[in-house]
Amino acid sequence: ECLSLASIPDKCAQPTLLFYTYGPCATQVVSEIKDLNPLS
């Protein structure tokens, strides 16, 4: 599920999607990025 941050008030709006992930799926995703540099 995601929400659009383009839909919030203009001065805060941004072309961004915020995905909420949870449970085993979230654990799987975190396991794949936990050792990676966020800038890589």
Full PDB file with SEQRES, HELIX, SHEET, SSBOND, CRYST1, ORIGX, SCALE, CONECT and MASTER records, all heavy atoms in Angstrom:
SEQRES   1 A   40  GLU CYS LEU SER LEU ALA SER ILE PRO ASP LYS CYS ALA          
SEQRES   2 A   40  GLN PRO THR LEU LEU PHE TYR THR TYR GLY PRO CYS ALA          
SEQRES   3 A   40  THR GLN VAL VAL SER GLU ILE LYS ASP LEU ASN PRO LEU          
SEQRES   4 A   40  SER                                                          
HELIX    1 AA1 LEU A    5  SER A    7  5                                   3    
HELIX    2 AA2 GLY A   23  ILE A   33  1                                  11    
SHEET    1 AA1 2 CYS A   2  SER A   4  0                                        
SHEET    2 AA1 2 LEU A  17  PHE A  19 -1                                        
CRYST1    1.000    1.000    1.000  90.00  90.00  90.00 P 1           1          
ORIGX1      1.000000  0.000000  0.000000        0.00000                         
ORIGX2      0.000000  1.000000  0.000000        0.00000                         
ORIGX3      0.000000  0.000000  1.000000        0.00000                         
SCALE1      1.000000  0.000000  0.000000        0.00000                         
SCALE2      0.000000  1.000000  0.000000        0.00000                         
SCALE3      0.000000  0.000000  1.000000        0.00000                         
ATOM      1  N   GLU A   1       0.857  -1.182   0.000  1.00  0.00           N  
ATOM      2  CA  GLU A   1       0.000   0.000   0.000  1.00  0.00           C  
ATOM      3  C   GLU A   1       0.891   1.229   0.000  1.00  0.00           C  
ATOM      4  O   GLU A   1       1.933   1.252   0.652  1.00  0.00           O  
ATOM      5  CB  GLU A   1      -0.904   0.022   1.229  1.00  0.00           C  
ATOM      6  CG  GLU A   1      -1.842   1.212   1.272  1.00  0.00           C  
ATOM      7  CD  GLU A   1      -2.857   1.106   2.388  1.00  0.00           C  
ATOM      8  OE1 GLU A   1      -2.490   0.675   3.487  1.00  0.00           O  
ATOM      9  OE2 GLU A   1      -4.025   1.465   2.160  1.00  0.00           O  
ATOM     10  N   CYS A   2       0.499   2.245  -0.749  1.00  0.00           N  
ATOM     11  CA  CYS A   2       1.283   3.478  -0.738  1.00  0.00           C  
ATOM     12  C   CYS A   2       0.355   4.680  -0.745  1.00  0.00           C  
ATOM     13  O   CYS A   2      -0.827   4.581  -1.079  1.00  0.00           O  
ATOM     14  CB  CYS A   2       2.244   3.543  -1.917  1.00  0.00           C  
ATOM     15  SG  CYS A   2       1.484   3.856  -3.526  1.00  0.00           S  
ATOM     16  N   LEU A   3       0.894   5.806  -0.324  1.00  0.00           N  
ATOM     17  CA  LEU A   3       0.145   7.049  -0.410  1.00  0.00           C  
ATOM     18  C   LEU A   3       0.994   8.065  -1.171  1.00  0.00           C  
ATOM     19  O   LEU A   3       2.226   8.002  -1.188  1.00  0.00           O  
ATOM     20  CB  LEU A   3      -0.272   7.569   0.958  1.00  0.00           C  
ATOM     21  CG  LEU A   3       0.787   8.027   1.958  1.00  0.00           C  
ATOM     22  CD1 LEU A   3       1.145   9.489   1.751  1.00  0.00           C  
ATOM     23  CD2 LEU A   3       0.265   7.828   3.382  1.00  0.00           C  
ATOM     24  N   SER A   4       0.313   8.993  -1.800  1.00  0.00           N  
ATOM     25  CA  SER A   4       0.953   9.990  -2.645  1.00  0.00           C  
ATOM     26  C   SER A   4       1.226  11.259  -1.852  1.00  0.00           C  
ATOM     27  O   SER A   4       0.296  11.904  -1.345  1.00  0.00           O  
ATOM     28  CB  SER A   4       0.053  10.319  -3.839  1.00  0.00           C  
ATOM     29  OG  SER A   4       0.516  11.480  -4.506  1.00  0.00           O  
ATOM     30  N   LEU A   5       2.493  11.630  -1.742  1.00  0.00           N  
ATOM     31  CA  LEU A   5       2.838  12.876  -1.073  1.00  0.00           C  
ATOM     32  C   LEU A   5       2.676  14.074  -2.007  1.00  0.00           C  
ATOM     33  O   LEU A   5       2.903  15.211  -1.596  1.00  0.00           O  
ATOM     34  CB  LEU A   5       4.266  12.809  -0.541  1.00  0.00           C  
ATOM     35  CG  LEU A   5       4.536  11.722   0.510  1.00  0.00           C  
ATOM     36  CD1 LEU A   5       5.898  11.926   1.152  1.00  0.00           C  
ATOM     37  CD2 LEU A   5       3.452  11.676   1.571  1.00  0.00           C  
ATOM     38  N   ALA A   6       2.261  13.812  -3.240  1.00  0.00           N  
ATOM     39  CA  ALA A   6       1.879  14.910  -4.125  1.00  0.00           C  
ATOM     40  C   ALA A   6       0.497  15.448  -3.763  1.00  0.00           C  
ATOM     41  O   ALA A   6       0.096  16.504  -4.256  1.00  0.00           O  
ATOM     42  CB  ALA A   6       1.890  14.443  -5.579  1.00  0.00           C  
ATOM     43  N   SER A   7      -0.217  14.724  -2.887  1.00  0.00           N  
ATOM     44  CA  SER A   7      -1.593  15.095  -2.541  1.00  0.00           C  
ATOM     45  C   SER A   7      -1.683  15.909  -1.257  1.00  0.00           C  
ATOM     46  O   SER A   7      -2.776  16.325  -0.884  1.00  0.00           O  
ATOM     47  CB  SER A   7      -2.445  13.824  -2.379  1.00  0.00           C  
ATOM     48  OG  SER A   7      -2.483  13.093  -3.584  1.00  0.00           O  
ATOM     49  N   ILE A   8      -0.561  16.122  -0.578  1.00  0.00           N  
ATOM     50  CA  ILE A   8      -0.594  16.904   0.647  1.00  0.00           C  
ATOM     51  C   ILE A   8      -0.510  18.387   0.300  1.00  0.00           C  
ATOM     52  O   ILE A   8      -0.272  18.748  -0.863  1.00  0.00           O  
ATOM     53  CB  ILE A   8       0.522  16.465   1.620  1.00  0.00           C  
ATOM     54  CG1 ILE A   8       1.911  16.645   0.996  1.00  0.00           C  
ATOM     55  CG2 ILE A   8       0.312  15.028   2.038  1.00  0.00           C  
ATOM     56  CD1 ILE A   8       3.045  16.217   1.917  1.00  0.00           C  
ATOM     57  N   PRO A   9      -0.733  19.301   1.256  1.00  0.00           N  
ATOM     58  CA  PRO A   9      -0.753  20.742   0.932  1.00  0.00           C  
ATOM     59  C   PRO A   9       0.466  21.194   0.136  1.00  0.00           C  
ATOM     60  O   PRO A   9       1.572  20.679   0.303  1.00  0.00           O  
ATOM     61  CB  PRO A   9      -0.798  21.392   2.318  1.00  0.00           C  
ATOM     62  CG  PRO A   9      -1.532  20.394   3.165  1.00  0.00           C  
ATOM     63  CD  PRO A   9      -1.068  19.053   2.668  1.00  0.00           C  
ATOM     64  N   ASP A  10       0.241  22.202  -0.717  1.00  0.00           N  
ATOM     65  CA  ASP A  10       1.221  22.594  -1.721  1.00  0.00           C  
ATOM     66  C   ASP A  10       2.614  22.827  -1.170  1.00  0.00           C  
ATOM     67  O   ASP A  10       3.604  22.377  -1.754  1.00  0.00           O  
ATOM     68  CB  ASP A  10       0.743  23.849  -2.461  1.00  0.00           C  
ATOM     69  CG  ASP A  10      -0.401  23.552  -3.411  1.00  0.00           C  
ATOM     70  OD1 ASP A  10      -0.618  22.362  -3.704  1.00  0.00           O  
ATOM     71  OD2 ASP A  10      -1.078  24.500  -3.840  1.00  0.00           O  
ATOM     72  N   LYS A  11       2.733  23.549  -0.057  1.00  0.00           N  
ATOM     73  CA  LYS A  11       4.076  23.894   0.413  1.00  0.00           C  
ATOM     74  C   LYS A  11       4.826  22.678   0.958  1.00  0.00           C  
ATOM     75  O   LYS A  11       6.035  22.740   1.175  1.00  0.00           O  
ATOM     76  CB  LYS A  11       4.010  24.987   1.486  1.00  0.00           C  
ATOM     77  CG  LYS A  11       3.349  24.605   2.787  1.00  0.00           C  
ATOM     78  CD  LYS A  11       3.402  25.797   3.743  1.00  0.00           C  
ATOM     79  CE  LYS A  11       2.763  25.490   5.083  1.00  0.00           C  
ATOM     80  NZ  LYS A  11       2.848  26.638   6.019  1.00  0.00           N  
ATOM     81  N   CYS A  12       4.116  21.565   1.173  1.00  0.00           N  
ATOM     82  CA  CYS A  12       4.752  20.334   1.640  1.00  0.00           C  
ATOM     83  C   CYS A  12       4.755  19.245   0.564  1.00  0.00           C  
ATOM     84  O   CYS A  12       5.433  18.228   0.726  1.00  0.00           O  
ATOM     85  CB  CYS A  12       4.030  19.797   2.871  1.00  0.00           C  
ATOM     86  SG  CYS A  12       3.980  20.935   4.262  1.00  0.00           S  
ATOM     87  N   ALA A  13       4.002  19.446  -0.497  1.00  0.00           N  
ATOM     88  CA  ALA A  13       3.835  18.401  -1.513  1.00  0.00           C  
ATOM     89  C   ALA A  13       5.168  18.086  -2.183  1.00  0.00           C  
ATOM     90  O   ALA A  13       6.030  18.949  -2.360  1.00  0.00           O  
ATOM     91  CB  ALA A  13       2.811  18.836  -2.551  1.00  0.00           C  
ATOM     92  N   GLN A  14       5.326  16.836  -2.545  1.00  0.00           N  
ATOM     93  CA  GLN A  14       6.533  16.397  -3.239  1.00  0.00           C  
ATOM     94  C   GLN A  14       6.181  15.217  -4.150  1.00  0.00           C  
ATOM     95  O   GLN A  14       5.218  14.491  -3.886  1.00  0.00           O  
ATOM     96  CB  GLN A  14       7.625  16.013  -2.244  1.00  0.00           C  
ATOM     97  CG  GLN A  14       7.196  15.029  -1.170  1.00  0.00           C  
ATOM     98  CD  GLN A  14       8.316  14.717  -0.187  1.00  0.00           C  
ATOM     99  OE1 GLN A  14       9.280  14.044  -0.537  1.00  0.00           O  
ATOM    100  NE2 GLN A  14       8.178  15.205   1.025  1.00  0.00           N  
ATOM    101  N   PRO A  15       6.940  15.013  -5.218  1.00  0.00           N  
ATOM    102  CA  PRO A  15       6.643  13.922  -6.158  1.00  0.00           C  
ATOM    103  C   PRO A  15       7.134  12.583  -5.624  1.00  0.00           C  
ATOM    104  O   PRO A  15       7.997  11.921  -6.201  1.00  0.00           O  
ATOM    105  CB  PRO A  15       7.410  14.352  -7.418  1.00  0.00           C  
ATOM    106  CG  PRO A  15       8.588  15.111  -6.889  1.00  0.00           C  
ATOM    107  CD  PRO A  15       8.071  15.846  -5.668  1.00  0.00           C  
ATOM    108  N   THR A  16       6.575  12.198  -4.502  1.00  0.00           N  
ATOM    109  CA  THR A  16       7.062  11.037  -3.757  1.00  0.00           C  
ATOM    110  C   THR A  16       5.920  10.097  -3.423  1.00  0.00           C  
ATOM    111  O   THR A  16       4.816  10.540  -3.081  1.00  0.00           O  
ATOM    112  CB  THR A  16       7.757  11.495  -2.458  1.00  0.00           C  
ATOM    113  OG1 THR A  16       8.892  12.294  -2.791  1.00  0.00           O  
ATOM    114  CG2 THR A  16       8.198  10.319  -1.605  1.00  0.00           C  
ATOM    115  N   LEU A  17       6.190   8.804  -3.492  1.00  0.00           N  
ATOM    116  CA  LEU A  17       5.280   7.775  -3.007  1.00  0.00           C  
ATOM    117  C   LEU A  17       5.849   7.209  -1.718  1.00  0.00           C  
ATOM    118  O   LEU A  17       7.042   6.907  -1.640  1.00  0.00           O  
ATOM    119  CB  LEU A  17       5.126   6.663  -4.037  1.00  0.00           C  
ATOM    120  CG  LEU A  17       4.514   7.055  -5.383  1.00  0.00           C  
ATOM    121  CD1 LEU A  17       4.662   5.918  -6.382  1.00  0.00           C  
ATOM    122  CD2 LEU A  17       3.043   7.447  -5.225  1.00  0.00           C  
ATOM    123  N   LEU A  18       4.992   7.078  -0.730  1.00  0.00           N  
ATOM    124  CA  LEU A  18       5.387   6.474   0.539  1.00  0.00           C  
ATOM    125  C   LEU A  18       4.756   5.090   0.625  1.00  0.00           C  
ATOM    126  O   LEU A  18       3.534   4.958   0.719  1.00  0.00           O  
ATOM    127  CB  LEU A  18       4.934   7.345   1.711  1.00  0.00           C  
ATOM    128  CG  LEU A  18       4.988   6.729   3.121  1.00  0.00           C  
ATOM    129  CD1 LEU A  18       6.362   6.169   3.439  1.00  0.00           C  
ATOM    130  CD2 LEU A  18       4.558   7.753   4.165  1.00  0.00           C  
ATOM    131  N   PHE A  19       5.582   4.053   0.557  1.00  0.00           N  
ATOM    132  CA  PHE A  19       5.112   2.679   0.677  1.00  0.00           C  
ATOM    133  C   PHE A  19       5.243   2.223   2.124  1.00  0.00           C  
ATOM    134  O   PHE A  19       6.286   2.410   2.762  1.00  0.00           O  
ATOM    135  CB  PHE A  19       5.946   1.748  -0.213  1.00  0.00           C  
ATOM    136  CG  PHE A  19       5.532   1.751  -1.651  1.00  0.00           C  
ATOM    137  CD1 PHE A  19       5.972   2.748  -2.508  1.00  0.00           C  
ATOM    138  CD2 PHE A  19       4.702   0.755  -2.161  1.00  0.00           C  
ATOM    139  CE1 PHE A  19       5.599   2.758  -3.845  1.00  0.00           C  
ATOM    140  CE2 PHE A  19       4.321   0.756  -3.497  1.00  0.00           C  
ATOM    141  CZ  PHE A  19       4.764   1.759  -4.342  1.00  0.00           C  
ATOM    142  N   TYR A  20       4.159   1.639   2.644  1.00  0.00           N  
ATOM    143  CA  TYR A  20       4.185   0.991   3.953  1.00  0.00           C  
ATOM    144  C   TYR A  20       4.303  -0.517   3.739  1.00  0.00           C  
ATOM    145  O   TYR A  20       3.470  -1.119   3.067  1.00  0.00           O  
ATOM    146  CB  TYR A  20       2.895   1.281   4.728  1.00  0.00           C  
ATOM    147  CG  TYR A  20       2.768   2.706   5.214  1.00  0.00           C  
ATOM    148  CD1 TYR A  20       2.028   3.637   4.487  1.00  0.00           C  
ATOM    149  CD2 TYR A  20       3.381   3.118   6.384  1.00  0.00           C  
ATOM    150  CE1 TYR A  20       1.900   4.944   4.937  1.00  0.00           C  
ATOM    151  CE2 TYR A  20       3.259   4.429   6.841  1.00  0.00           C  
ATOM    152  CZ  TYR A  20       2.514   5.336   6.107  1.00  0.00           C  
ATOM    153  OH  TYR A  20       2.399   6.627   6.559  1.00  0.00           O  
ATOM    154  N   THR A  21       5.317  -1.110   4.301  1.00  0.00           N  
ATOM    155  CA  THR A  21       5.479  -2.560   4.211  1.00  0.00           C  
ATOM    156  C   THR A  21       5.660  -3.106   5.618  1.00  0.00           C  
ATOM    157  O   THR A  21       6.138  -2.397   6.509  1.00  0.00           O  
ATOM    158  CB  THR A  21       6.660  -2.920   3.289  1.00  0.00           C  
ATOM    159  OG1 THR A  21       6.703  -4.329   3.096  1.00  0.00           O  
ATOM    160  CG2 THR A  21       7.971  -2.402   3.827  1.00  0.00           C  
ATOM    161  N   TYR A  22       5.282  -4.337   5.843  1.00  0.00           N  
ATOM    162  CA  TYR A  22       5.171  -4.830   7.218  1.00  0.00           C  
ATOM    163  C   TYR A  22       5.381  -6.343   7.261  1.00  0.00           C  
ATOM    164  O   TYR A  22       5.336  -7.039   6.240  1.00  0.00           O  
ATOM    165  CB  TYR A  22       3.791  -4.488   7.788  1.00  0.00           C  
ATOM    166  CG  TYR A  22       2.663  -5.038   6.964  1.00  0.00           C  
ATOM    167  CD1 TYR A  22       2.125  -6.294   7.225  1.00  0.00           C  
ATOM    168  CD2 TYR A  22       2.153  -4.338   5.872  1.00  0.00           C  
ATOM    169  CE1 TYR A  22       1.115  -6.828   6.435  1.00  0.00           C  
ATOM    170  CE2 TYR A  22       1.141  -4.848   5.083  1.00  0.00           C  
ATOM    171  CZ  TYR A  22       0.630  -6.104   5.367  1.00  0.00           C  
ATOM    172  OH  TYR A  22      -0.349  -6.635   4.582  1.00  0.00           O  
ATOM    173  N   GLY A  23       5.593  -6.840   8.461  1.00  0.00           N  
ATOM    174  CA  GLY A  23       5.676  -8.276   8.686  1.00  0.00           C  
ATOM    175  C   GLY A  23       6.827  -8.933   7.940  1.00  0.00           C  
ATOM    176  O   GLY A  23       7.884  -8.335   7.725  1.00  0.00           O  
ATOM    177  N   PRO A  24       6.653 -10.192   7.513  1.00  0.00           N  
ATOM    178  CA  PRO A  24       7.730 -10.925   6.828  1.00  0.00           C  
ATOM    179  C   PRO A  24       8.232 -10.237   5.569  1.00  0.00           C  
ATOM    180  O   PRO A  24       9.420 -10.329   5.245  1.00  0.00           O  
ATOM    181  CB  PRO A  24       7.075 -12.274   6.500  1.00  0.00           C  
ATOM    182  CG  PRO A  24       6.003 -12.441   7.519  1.00  0.00           C  
ATOM    183  CD  PRO A  24       5.474 -11.059   7.762  1.00  0.00           C  
ATOM    184  N   CYS A  25       7.344  -9.546   4.846  1.00  0.00           N  
ATOM    185  CA  CYS A  25       7.783  -8.831   3.652  1.00  0.00           C  
ATOM    186  C   CYS A  25       8.778  -7.737   4.036  1.00  0.00           C  
ATOM    187  O   CYS A  25       9.832  -7.589   3.404  1.00  0.00           O  
ATOM    188  CB  CYS A  25       6.588  -8.234   2.926  1.00  0.00           C  
ATOM    189  SG  CYS A  25       7.016  -7.253   1.471  1.00  0.00           S  
ATOM    190  N   ALA A  26       8.445  -6.966   5.064  1.00  0.00           N  
ATOM    191  CA  ALA A  26       9.358  -5.921   5.524  1.00  0.00           C  
ATOM    192  C   ALA A  26      10.680  -6.517   5.980  1.00  0.00           C  
ATOM    193  O   ALA A  26      11.753  -5.972   5.692  1.00  0.00           O  
ATOM    194  CB  ALA A  26       8.713  -5.126   6.650  1.00  0.00           C  
ATOM    195  N   THR A  27      10.611  -7.638   6.681  1.00  0.00           N  
ATOM    196  CA  THR A  27      11.827  -8.300   7.134  1.00  0.00           C  
ATOM    197  C   THR A  27      12.699  -8.720   5.960  1.00  0.00           C  
ATOM    198  O   THR A  27      13.928  -8.581   5.982  1.00  0.00           O  
ATOM    199  CB  THR A  27      11.478  -9.517   8.009  1.00  0.00           C  
ATOM    200  OG1 THR A  27      10.724  -9.081   9.152  1.00  0.00           O  
ATOM    201  CG2 THR A  27      12.728 -10.237   8.482  1.00  0.00           C  
ATOM    202  N   GLN A  28      12.058  -9.253   4.903  1.00  0.00           N  
ATOM    203  CA  GLN A  28      12.790  -9.674   3.722  1.00  0.00           C  
ATOM    204  C   GLN A  28      13.490  -8.489   3.050  1.00  0.00           C  
ATOM    205  O   GLN A  28      14.671  -8.564   2.684  1.00  0.00           O  
ATOM    206  CB  GLN A  28      11.838 -10.341   2.728  1.00  0.00           C  
ATOM    207  CG  GLN A  28      12.460 -10.758   1.413  1.00  0.00           C  
ATOM    208  CD  GLN A  28      13.435 -11.915   1.550  1.00  0.00           C  
ATOM    209  OE1 GLN A  28      13.327 -12.699   2.483  1.00  0.00           O  
ATOM    210  NE2 GLN A  28      14.384 -12.009   0.635  1.00  0.00           N  
ATOM    211  N   VAL A  29      12.774  -7.376   2.897  1.00  0.00           N  
ATOM    212  CA  VAL A  29      13.353  -6.202   2.246  1.00  0.00           C  
ATOM    213  C   VAL A  29      14.511  -5.650   3.066  1.00  0.00           C  
ATOM    214  O   VAL A  29      15.585  -5.330   2.534  1.00  0.00           O  
ATOM    215  CB  VAL A  29      12.275  -5.123   2.019  1.00  0.00           C  
ATOM    216  CG1 VAL A  29      12.897  -3.836   1.497  1.00  0.00           C  
ATOM    217  CG2 VAL A  29      11.212  -5.621   1.051  1.00  0.00           C  
ATOM    218  N   VAL A  30      14.308  -5.553   4.385  1.00  0.00           N  
ATOM    219  CA  VAL A  30      15.372  -5.026   5.254  1.00  0.00           C  
ATOM    220  C   VAL A  30      16.607  -5.914   5.186  1.00  0.00           C  
ATOM    221  O   VAL A  30      17.747  -5.427   5.172  1.00  0.00           O  
ATOM    222  CB  VAL A  30      14.859  -4.878   6.700  1.00  0.00           C  
ATOM    223  CG1 VAL A  30      16.022  -4.603   7.663  1.00  0.00           C  
ATOM    224  CG2 VAL A  30      13.836  -3.757   6.789  1.00  0.00           C  
ATOM    225  N   SER A  31      16.393  -7.222   5.124  1.00  0.00           N  
ATOM    226  CA  SER A  31      17.540  -8.141   5.073  1.00  0.00           C  
ATOM    227  C   SER A  31      18.377  -7.924   3.819  1.00  0.00           C  
ATOM    228  O   SER A  31      19.592  -8.158   3.823  1.00  0.00           O  
ATOM    229  CB  SER A  31      17.056  -9.594   5.141  1.00  0.00           C  
ATOM    230  OG  SER A  31      16.419  -9.986   3.931  1.00  0.00           O  
ATOM    231  N   GLU A  32      17.734  -7.457   2.737  1.00  0.00           N  
ATOM    232  CA  GLU A  32      18.450  -7.256   1.479  1.00  0.00           C  
ATOM    233  C   GLU A  32      19.220  -5.935   1.434  1.00  0.00           C  
ATOM    234  O   GLU A  32      20.159  -5.789   0.642  1.00  0.00           O  
ATOM    235  CB  GLU A  32      17.466  -7.323   0.309  1.00  0.00           C  
ATOM    236  CG  GLU A  32      16.848  -8.705   0.116  1.00  0.00           C  
ATOM    237  CD  GLU A  32      15.872  -8.755  -1.045  1.00  0.00           C  
ATOM    238  OE1 GLU A  32      15.799  -7.750  -1.798  1.00  0.00           O  
ATOM    239  OE2 GLU A  32      15.192  -9.782  -1.216  1.00  0.00           O  
ATOM    240  N   ILE A  33      18.840  -4.965   2.275  1.00  0.00           N  
ATOM    241  CA  ILE A  33      19.499  -3.652   2.215  1.00  0.00           C  
ATOM    242  C   ILE A  33      20.286  -3.317   3.475  1.00  0.00           C  
ATOM    243  O   ILE A  33      20.969  -2.295   3.515  1.00  0.00           O  
ATOM    244  CB  ILE A  33      18.474  -2.527   1.966  1.00  0.00           C  
ATOM    245  CG1 ILE A  33      17.482  -2.423   3.137  1.00  0.00           C  
ATOM    246  CG2 ILE A  33      17.749  -2.730   0.648  1.00  0.00           C  
ATOM    247  CD1 ILE A  33      16.605  -1.179   3.098  1.00  0.00           C  
ATOM    248  N   LYS A  34      20.209  -4.165   4.503  1.00  0.00           N  
ATOM    249  CA  LYS A  34      20.762  -3.789   5.809  1.00  0.00           C  
ATOM    250  C   LYS A  34      22.257  -3.491   5.782  1.00  0.00           C  
ATOM    251  O   LYS A  34      22.760  -2.692   6.576  1.00  0.00           O  
ATOM    252  CB  LYS A  34      20.461  -4.872   6.843  1.00  0.00           C  
ATOM    253  CG  LYS A  34      21.103  -6.225   6.600  1.00  0.00           C  
ATOM    254  CD  LYS A  34      20.676  -7.233   7.665  1.00  0.00           C  
ATOM    255  CE  LYS A  34      21.266  -8.608   7.448  1.00  0.00           C  
ATOM    256  NZ  LYS A  34      22.732  -8.621   7.593  1.00  0.00           N  
ATOM    257  N   ASP A  35      22.988  -4.101   4.863  1.00  0.00           N  
ATOM    258  CA  ASP A  35      24.434  -3.891   4.795  1.00  0.00           C  
ATOM    259  C   ASP A  35      24.850  -2.969   3.658  1.00  0.00           C  
ATOM    260  O   ASP A  35      26.046  -2.818   3.382  1.00  0.00           O  
ATOM    261  CB  ASP A  35      25.154  -5.238   4.647  1.00  0.00           C  
ATOM    262  CG  ASP A  35      24.932  -6.152   5.840  1.00  0.00           C  
ATOM    263  OD1 ASP A  35      24.914  -5.632   6.975  1.00  0.00           O  
ATOM    264  OD2 ASP A  35      24.763  -7.368   5.630  1.00  0.00           O  
ATOM    265  N   LEU A  36      23.866  -2.342   2.994  1.00  0.00           N  
ATOM    266  CA  LEU A  36      24.167  -1.494   1.839  1.00  0.00           C  
ATOM    267  C   LEU A  36      24.214  -0.020   2.237  1.00  0.00           C  
ATOM    268  O   LEU A  36      23.431   0.442   3.078  1.00  0.00           O  
ATOM    269  CB  LEU A  36      23.117  -1.690   0.742  1.00  0.00           C  
ATOM    270  CG  LEU A  36      22.950  -3.105   0.195  1.00  0.00           C  
ATOM    271  CD1 LEU A  36      21.862  -3.117  -0.882  1.00  0.00           C  
ATOM    272  CD2 LEU A  36      24.266  -3.636  -0.368  1.00  0.00           C  
ATOM    273  N   ASN A  37      25.101   0.710   1.624  1.00  0.00           N  
ATOM    274  CA  ASN A  37      25.178   2.159   1.816  1.00  0.00           C  
ATOM    275  C   ASN A  37      23.987   2.804   1.112  1.00  0.00           C  
ATOM    276  O   ASN A  37      23.783   2.585  -0.086  1.00  0.00           O  
ATOM    277  CB  ASN A  37      26.481   2.685   1.224  1.00  0.00           C  
ATOM    278  CG  ASN A  37      26.683   4.172   1.466  1.00  0.00           C  
ATOM    279  OD1 ASN A  37      25.739   4.934   1.609  1.00  0.00           O  
ATOM    280  ND2 ASN A  37      27.937   4.598   1.495  1.00  0.00           N  
ATOM    281  N   PRO A  38      23.177   3.605   1.842  1.00  0.00           N  
ATOM    282  CA  PRO A  38      22.003   4.232   1.201  1.00  0.00           C  
ATOM    283  C   PRO A  38      22.346   5.116   0.016  1.00  0.00           C  
ATOM    284  O   PRO A  38      21.455   5.457  -0.771  1.00  0.00           O  
ATOM    285  CB  PRO A  38      21.383   5.048   2.341  1.00  0.00           C  
ATOM    286  CG  PRO A  38      21.824   4.355   3.584  1.00  0.00           C  
ATOM    287  CD  PRO A  38      23.212   3.863   3.289  1.00  0.00           C  
ATOM    288  N   LEU A  39      23.606   5.499  -0.130  1.00  0.00           N  
ATOM    289  CA  LEU A  39      23.999   6.325  -1.262  1.00  0.00           C  
ATOM    290  C   LEU A  39      24.499   5.500  -2.440  1.00  0.00           C  
ATOM    291  O   LEU A  39      24.835   6.048  -3.497  1.00  0.00           O  
ATOM    292  CB  LEU A  39      25.094   7.313  -0.835  1.00  0.00           C  
ATOM    293  CG  LEU A  39      24.716   8.300   0.276  1.00  0.00           C  
ATOM    294  CD1 LEU A  39      25.907   9.184   0.622  1.00  0.00           C  
ATOM    295  CD2 LEU A  39      23.512   9.144  -0.123  1.00  0.00           C  
ATOM    296  N   SER A  40      24.546   4.186  -2.275  1.00  0.00           N  
ATOM    297  CA  SER A  40      25.112   3.324  -3.312  1.00  0.00           C  
ATOM    298  C   SER A  40      24.091   2.995  -4.402  1.00  0.00           C  
ATOM    299  O   SER A  40      22.877   3.013  -4.174  1.00  0.00           O  
ATOM    300  CB  SER A  40      25.637   2.030  -2.701  1.00  0.00           C  
ATOM    301  OG  SER A  40      24.561   1.231  -2.226  1.00  0.00           O  
TER     302      SER A  40                                                      
MASTER        0    0    0    2    2    0    0    6  301    1    0    4          
END                                                                             
